[in-house]
N, C-alpha and C. Protein backbone atom coordinates (compact mmCIF):
# COMPACT_ATOMS: atom_id res chain seq x y z
N MET A 1 -9.32 20.57 -8.18
CA MET A 1 -9.67 19.02 -8.57
C MET A 1 -8.12 18.32 -8.85
N ASP A 2 -7.33 19.15 -9.58
CA ASP A 2 -6.06 18.61 -9.93
C ASP A 2 -4.99 18.48 -9.05
N VAL A 3 -5.19 19.10 -8.12
CA VAL A 3 -4.15 19.32 -6.90
C VAL A 3 -4.14 17.98 -6.21
N TYR A 4 -5.36 17.36 -5.84
CA TYR A 4 -5.46 16.25 -5.24
C TYR A 4 -4.85 14.90 -5.71
N PRO A 5 -5.09 14.62 -6.88
CA PRO A 5 -4.23 13.50 -7.50
C PRO A 5 -2.61 13.75 -7.58
N GLY A 6 -2.25 14.86 -7.65
CA GLY A 6 -0.84 15.38 -7.45
C GLY A 6 -0.43 14.93 -6.05
N PHE A 7 -1.10 15.34 -5.21
CA PHE A 7 -0.68 15.23 -3.78
C PHE A 7 -0.57 13.54 -3.54
N ALA A 8 -1.80 12.85 -4.07
CA ALA A 8 -1.52 11.34 -3.91
C ALA A 8 -0.31 10.80 -4.73
N ILE A 9 0.16 11.07 -5.89
CA ILE A 9 1.25 10.92 -6.53
C ILE A 9 2.43 11.11 -5.76
N PHE A 10 2.68 12.11 -5.04
CA PHE A 10 3.50 12.75 -4.19
C PHE A 10 3.71 11.56 -2.97
N GLY A 11 2.69 11.12 -2.41
CA GLY A 11 2.61 10.09 -1.37
C GLY A 11 3.12 8.93 -1.85
N ILE A 12 2.74 8.40 -2.93
CA ILE A 12 2.98 7.32 -3.59
C ILE A 12 4.72 7.18 -3.78
N PHE A 13 5.10 8.52 -4.29
CA PHE A 13 6.65 8.59 -4.76
C PHE A 13 7.48 8.39 -3.40
N VAL A 14 6.98 8.98 -2.16
CA VAL A 14 7.55 8.84 -1.06
C VAL A 14 7.67 7.58 -0.43
N VAL A 15 6.61 6.91 -0.92
CA VAL A 15 6.73 5.38 -0.36
C VAL A 15 7.56 4.75 -1.14
N ASN A 16 7.77 5.04 -2.38
CA ASN A 16 8.72 4.19 -3.39
C ASN A 16 10.09 4.63 -3.49
N ILE A 17 10.29 5.85 -2.81
CA ILE A 17 11.54 6.41 -3.01
C ILE A 17 12.89 5.49 -2.41
N GLU A 18 12.33 4.62 -1.37
CA GLU A 18 13.24 3.73 -0.63
C GLU A 18 13.75 2.62 -1.57
N ILE A 19 12.63 2.05 -2.29
CA ILE A 19 13.04 1.15 -3.15
C ILE A 19 13.72 1.50 -4.51
N MET A 20 13.43 2.55 -4.92
CA MET A 20 14.00 3.21 -6.10
C MET A 20 15.56 3.51 -5.74
N ASN A 21 16.00 3.81 -4.52
CA ASN A 21 17.24 4.00 -4.13
C ASN A 21 18.17 2.97 -3.86
N SER A 22 17.55 1.86 -3.98
CA SER A 22 18.04 0.42 -3.61
C SER A 22 19.00 -0.07 -4.71
N THR A 23 20.18 -0.59 -4.40
CA THR A 23 20.99 -1.27 -5.41
C THR A 23 21.19 -2.63 -5.28
N PHE A 24 20.16 -3.33 -4.34
CA PHE A 24 20.20 -4.49 -3.91
C PHE A 24 18.98 -5.21 -5.00
N LEU A 25 19.05 -6.53 -5.32
CA LEU A 25 18.05 -6.96 -5.97
C LEU A 25 16.96 -7.67 -5.13
N ASN A 26 17.25 -7.76 -4.01
CA ASN A 26 16.26 -8.58 -2.94
C ASN A 26 16.02 -7.60 -1.71
N GLN A 27 14.82 -7.14 -1.75
CA GLN A 27 14.41 -6.23 -0.70
C GLN A 27 14.53 -6.55 0.66
N ASP A 28 14.81 -8.00 0.97
CA ASP A 28 15.07 -8.30 2.40
C ASP A 28 16.49 -7.92 2.90
N GLU A 29 17.41 -8.14 1.81
CA GLU A 29 18.72 -7.70 2.14
C GLU A 29 18.99 -6.32 2.26
N PHE A 30 18.17 -5.52 1.48
CA PHE A 30 18.30 -4.09 1.36
C PHE A 30 17.48 -3.52 2.86
N ALA A 31 16.73 -4.10 3.28
CA ALA A 31 16.06 -3.70 4.73
C ALA A 31 16.95 -4.21 5.80
N LYS A 32 18.02 -5.07 5.89
CA LYS A 32 18.64 -5.32 6.78
C LYS A 32 19.64 -4.44 7.13
N GLN A 33 19.99 -3.52 6.37
CA GLN A 33 21.05 -2.53 6.62
C GLN A 33 20.46 -1.35 7.56
N TRP A 34 19.20 -1.24 7.59
CA TRP A 34 18.51 -0.32 8.27
C TRP A 34 18.18 -0.64 9.76
N ILE A 35 19.16 -0.51 10.60
CA ILE A 35 18.87 -1.19 12.08
C ILE A 35 18.89 -0.16 13.03
N SER A 36 19.42 1.00 12.71
CA SER A 36 19.64 2.05 13.81
C SER A 36 18.20 2.44 14.26
N GLY A 37 18.22 3.29 15.48
CA GLY A 37 16.99 3.76 15.92
C GLY A 37 16.32 4.83 15.09
N ILE A 38 16.90 5.73 14.50
CA ILE A 38 16.36 6.73 13.59
C ILE A 38 15.76 6.12 12.50
N ASP A 39 16.31 5.08 12.02
CA ASP A 39 15.88 4.38 10.83
C ASP A 39 14.60 3.59 11.20
N GLN A 40 14.45 2.95 12.36
CA GLN A 40 13.31 2.34 12.58
C GLN A 40 12.21 3.35 12.75
N VAL A 41 12.63 4.49 13.57
CA VAL A 41 11.41 5.49 13.86
C VAL A 41 10.87 6.00 12.33
N SER A 42 11.79 6.44 11.23
CA SER A 42 11.45 6.91 10.06
C SER A 42 10.58 5.85 9.26
N LYS A 43 10.99 4.50 9.45
CA LYS A 43 10.23 3.36 8.93
C LYS A 43 8.76 3.36 9.53
N ARG A 44 8.72 3.50 10.65
CA ARG A 44 7.10 3.45 11.31
C ARG A 44 6.61 4.65 11.10
N ILE A 45 7.12 5.88 10.74
CA ILE A 45 6.44 7.06 10.56
C ILE A 45 5.76 6.87 8.96
N LEU A 46 6.59 6.32 8.22
CA LEU A 46 6.24 5.96 6.91
C LEU A 46 5.22 4.97 6.70
N HIS A 47 5.17 3.93 7.59
CA HIS A 47 4.18 2.87 7.56
C HIS A 47 2.79 3.66 8.21
N LEU A 48 2.98 4.45 9.03
CA LEU A 48 1.70 5.03 9.77
C LEU A 48 0.92 6.14 8.76
N PHE A 49 1.72 6.87 8.14
CA PHE A 49 1.25 8.02 7.43
C PHE A 49 1.15 7.73 5.81
N PHE A 50 1.96 6.96 5.31
CA PHE A 50 1.92 6.80 4.02
C PHE A 50 1.66 5.37 3.27
N TYR A 51 1.98 4.43 3.79
CA TYR A 51 1.92 3.24 3.17
C TYR A 51 0.19 2.91 3.27
N THR A 52 -0.27 2.38 2.21
CA THR A 52 -1.71 1.99 1.95
C THR A 52 -2.85 3.05 2.09
N LYS A 53 -2.08 4.38 2.19
CA LYS A 53 -3.25 5.29 2.17
C LYS A 53 -3.25 5.90 0.98
N PHE A 54 -2.18 6.35 0.14
CA PHE A 54 -2.25 7.05 -1.00
C PHE A 54 -2.51 6.38 -2.47
N PHE A 55 -2.50 4.89 -2.29
CA PHE A 55 -2.93 4.15 -3.50
C PHE A 55 -4.42 4.31 -3.58
N PRO A 56 -5.08 4.14 -2.60
CA PRO A 56 -6.73 4.16 -2.75
C PRO A 56 -7.05 5.64 -3.11
N ILE A 57 -6.55 6.56 -2.66
CA ILE A 57 -6.87 7.86 -2.96
C ILE A 57 -6.65 8.23 -4.40
N PHE A 58 -5.49 7.84 -4.84
CA PHE A 58 -5.16 8.29 -6.30
C PHE A 58 -6.15 7.38 -7.16
N SER A 59 -6.44 6.12 -6.76
CA SER A 59 -7.22 5.30 -7.67
C SER A 59 -8.61 5.82 -7.73
N PHE A 60 -9.16 6.31 -6.60
CA PHE A 60 -10.56 7.05 -6.43
C PHE A 60 -10.51 8.10 -7.24
N LEU A 61 -9.46 9.25 -7.21
CA LEU A 61 -9.51 10.44 -7.93
C LEU A 61 -9.23 10.25 -9.29
N PHE A 62 -8.49 9.17 -9.77
CA PHE A 62 -8.43 8.85 -11.26
C PHE A 62 -9.61 8.44 -11.77
N GLY A 63 -10.38 7.51 -11.16
CA GLY A 63 -11.57 7.10 -11.49
C GLY A 63 -12.81 8.20 -11.39
N LEU A 64 -12.66 9.08 -10.55
CA LEU A 64 -13.49 10.28 -10.53
C LEU A 64 -13.35 11.16 -11.76
N GLY A 65 -12.02 11.50 -12.13
CA GLY A 65 -11.71 12.34 -13.18
C GLY A 65 -12.00 11.74 -14.57
N ILE A 66 -12.05 10.30 -14.65
CA ILE A 66 -12.36 9.53 -15.93
C ILE A 66 -14.04 9.71 -16.00
N SER A 67 -14.52 9.63 -14.88
CA SER A 67 -16.23 9.46 -14.93
C SER A 67 -16.69 11.13 -15.48
N ILE A 68 -15.92 12.04 -14.74
CA ILE A 68 -16.38 13.44 -15.06
C ILE A 68 -16.02 13.74 -16.57
N GLN A 69 -15.16 13.14 -17.04
CA GLN A 69 -14.93 13.46 -18.38
C GLN A 69 -15.69 12.77 -19.30
N ALA A 70 -16.29 11.29 -18.88
CA ALA A 70 -17.36 10.77 -19.66
C ALA A 70 -18.72 11.22 -19.68
N LEU A 71 -18.96 11.97 -18.63
CA LEU A 71 -20.12 12.70 -18.56
C LEU A 71 -20.38 14.12 -19.42
N CYS A 72 -19.12 14.63 -19.56
CA CYS A 72 -19.08 15.96 -20.40
C CYS A 72 -18.95 15.80 -21.63
């Protein structure tokens, strides 16, 4: 049971690592520097597999863990 939230947190970390590495205050300026082909492919892979997938998984598992603790 504890492995799944860890997996979800890892996915959230992968999504946010790009922003955490940024020295720009504006995300649009930061995104303008990634224009090569490999950058576009990696961005599409992140969007396909990571964005909007791990936040609901983590939220559900967090709520499930809290409800199990409340019942015991």
